[in-house]
Protein backbone atom coordinates (compact mmCIF):
# COMPACT_ATOMS: atom_id res chain seq x y z
CA MET A 1 30.74 35.29 -25.19
CA ALA A 2 33.36 35.32 -22.52
CA PRO A 3 34.69 31.88 -21.53
CA CYS A 4 33.92 32.57 -17.86
CA PHE A 5 30.24 33.22 -18.68
CA ILE A 6 30.00 29.98 -20.66
CA LEU A 7 31.59 28.03 -17.80
CA GLN A 8 29.14 29.59 -15.31
CA ARG A 9 26.17 28.56 -17.49
CA ILE A 10 27.47 24.98 -17.82
CA LEU A 11 28.01 24.71 -14.06
CA MET A 12 24.55 26.15 -13.38
CA VAL A 13 22.90 23.50 -15.58
CA LEU A 14 24.99 20.72 -14.05
CA PHE A 15 24.27 21.68 -10.47
CA THR A 16 20.65 22.71 -10.80
CA GLY A 17 19.63 20.02 -13.28
CA LEU A 18 16.61 20.31 -15.47
CA ALA A 19 13.61 21.62 -13.59
CA GLU A 20 10.40 22.73 -15.12
CA SER A 21 7.48 24.72 -13.91
CA GLY A 22 4.40 26.02 -15.59
CA SER A 23 0.88 27.11 -14.82
CA PRO A 24 -0.32 26.05 -11.39
CA VAL A 25 -2.58 23.02 -11.05
CA ARG A 26 -5.88 24.15 -9.57
CA GLY A 27 -7.94 22.11 -7.15
CA VAL A 28 -10.94 22.54 -4.89
CA VAL A 29 -11.09 21.83 -1.16
CA GLY A 30 -12.54 18.35 -0.55
CA GLN A 31 -11.86 17.05 -4.06
CA ASN A 32 -8.95 15.02 -5.43
CA VAL A 33 -6.22 16.90 -7.29
CA THR A 34 -3.52 15.37 -9.50
CA LEU A 35 -0.05 16.75 -10.24
CA PRO A 36 1.16 15.37 -13.59
CA CYS A 37 4.61 13.79 -13.83
CA LYS A 38 5.83 11.28 -16.42
CA TYR A 39 9.14 10.02 -17.72
CA PRO A 40 9.96 8.00 -20.86
CA VAL A 41 10.03 4.20 -20.50
CA ASN A 42 11.04 2.30 -23.63
CA HIS A 43 11.81 -1.03 -21.93
CA GLN A 44 11.94 -2.49 -18.41
CA ASN A 45 15.52 -1.29 -17.84
CA ASP A 46 14.25 2.32 -18.01
CA ILE A 47 12.00 1.94 -14.94
CA THR A 48 13.61 3.76 -12.02
CA THR A 49 13.11 5.11 -8.53
CA MET A 50 11.47 8.45 -7.91
CA CYS A 51 10.18 10.66 -5.13
CA TRP A 52 7.68 13.42 -4.50
CA GLY A 53 8.50 16.15 -2.02
CA ARG A 54 7.13 19.44 -0.72
CA GLY A 55 8.98 22.53 -1.88
CA SER A 56 11.23 23.06 -4.90
CA CYS A 57 13.54 20.28 -6.05
CA PRO A 58 16.93 20.39 -4.30
CA PRO A 59 20.20 19.30 -5.97
CA SER A 60 19.60 15.67 -4.91
CA GLN A 61 16.70 13.53 -3.69
CA CYS A 62 13.53 15.23 -2.37
CA SER A 63 13.32 17.71 0.45
CA GLN A 64 10.37 17.06 2.76
CA PRO A 65 9.62 13.73 1.00
CA ILE A 66 5.99 12.65 0.91
CA LEU A 67 6.23 9.58 -1.35
CA TRP A 68 8.95 7.24 -2.74
CA THR A 69 8.83 4.41 -5.27
CA ASP A 70 11.28 1.72 -6.29
CA GLY A 71 10.06 2.13 -9.87
CA TRP A 72 7.47 -0.64 -9.59
CA ARG A 73 5.52 0.22 -6.44
CA VAL A 74 5.24 2.85 -3.71
CA THR A 75 7.75 2.01 -0.97
CA GLU A 76 7.14 4.93 1.41
CA ARG A 77 4.17 7.25 1.83
CA GLN A 78 3.86 10.10 4.36
CA SER A 79 0.05 10.01 4.28
CA SER A 80 -2.67 7.69 2.99
CA ARG A 81 -3.96 10.74 1.07
CA TYR A 82 -1.07 10.46 -1.45
CA TYR A 83 -1.48 8.04 -4.37
CA LEU A 84 0.11 7.21 -7.69
CA GLU A 85 -2.86 6.11 -9.80
CA GLY A 86 -1.01 6.00 -13.13
CA ASN A 87 0.85 3.06 -14.66
CA LEU A 88 4.29 3.13 -13.00
CA ALA A 89 5.70 0.63 -15.51
CA GLN A 90 4.89 3.14 -18.27
CA GLY A 91 6.52 6.05 -16.44
CA ASP A 92 3.33 7.72 -15.16
CA VAL A 93 4.19 8.86 -11.63
CA SER A 94 1.54 11.59 -11.36
CA LEU A 95 0.65 12.34 -7.73
CA THR A 96 -2.99 12.37 -6.62
CA ILE A 97 -3.88 14.06 -3.35
CA VAL A 98 -7.18 12.75 -1.99
CA ASN A 99 -9.59 15.15 -0.28
CA ALA A 100 -7.45 18.26 -0.88
CA ALA A 101 -7.20 20.89 1.83
CA GLU A 102 -6.04 24.50 1.55
CA ALA A 103 -2.86 23.46 3.39
CA ASP A 104 -1.99 21.20 0.42
CA GLY A 105 -1.39 24.28 -1.72
CA GLY A 106 2.19 25.17 -2.65
CA VAL A 107 5.13 23.82 -4.62
CA TYR A 108 5.86 20.10 -5.05
CA CYS A 109 8.90 18.37 -6.50
CA CYS A 110 8.69 15.31 -8.75
CA ARG A 111 12.18 13.79 -9.03
CA VAL A 112 12.84 10.79 -11.26
CA GLU A 113 16.26 9.31 -10.53
CA ILE A 114 18.02 8.70 -13.85
CA PRO A 115 21.35 6.81 -13.57
CA GLY A 116 24.47 8.90 -14.10
CA TRP A 117 25.69 12.26 -12.89
CA PHE A 118 23.21 15.16 -12.98
CA ASN A 119 20.68 13.19 -15.05
CA ASP A 120 17.66 13.29 -12.73
CA GLN A 121 14.42 14.58 -14.21
CA ARG A 122 13.11 17.28 -11.88
CA SER A 123 9.76 19.03 -12.09
CA ASN A 124 8.58 21.79 -9.78
CA LEU A 125 4.80 21.96 -9.81
CA GLU A 126 2.52 24.32 -7.93
CA ILE A 127 -0.96 23.54 -6.60
CA VAL A 128 -3.51 26.22 -5.82
CA ILE A 129 -6.37 24.89 -3.68
CA GLU A 130 -9.53 26.99 -3.67
CA THR A 131 -12.70 26.75 -1.66
CA GLY A 132 -15.81 25.84 -3.65
CA GLU A 133 -17.03 29.46 -3.36
CA GLN A 134 -13.87 30.89 -4.99
CA SER A 135 -14.12 28.35 -7.81
CA PHE A 136 -17.79 29.22 -8.44
CA CYS A 137 -17.06 32.96 -8.46
CA MET A 138 -14.19 32.48 -10.92
CA SER A 139 -16.33 30.48 -13.34
CA VAL A 140 -19.17 33.07 -13.14
CA ARG A 141 -16.70 35.89 -13.91
CA GLU A 142 -15.13 33.92 -16.77
CA GLY A 143 -18.47 32.81 -18.22
């Protein structure tokens, strides 16, 4: 491999960080939907700040932030419909959206702020919100 190509790959990883995406999380209008996000906590010193935002994870912080924590509790929340029901002290920062609406569909960013340069854990997760009719039709076709 050419040295320039290797340098480009290293810089890309450093500046984009680690971001993951997978199958979309599916929800139904009017029901709660949860986007999973966890980070490893081995002892109290590992507990850290994090944020949830709308759209893909940017190079730092969250764009269009909807929720922030100090690692122990939620410090800012854009709407009372956003909750973290997991155990924060164990690294479970999964986002629950109460009474989902079609407008809640799209990409969300879970960013856990890990001390040091370019260490943040970033996850891009997509939600697809369906009406009850679409969900019923899908399960009839699949069944």
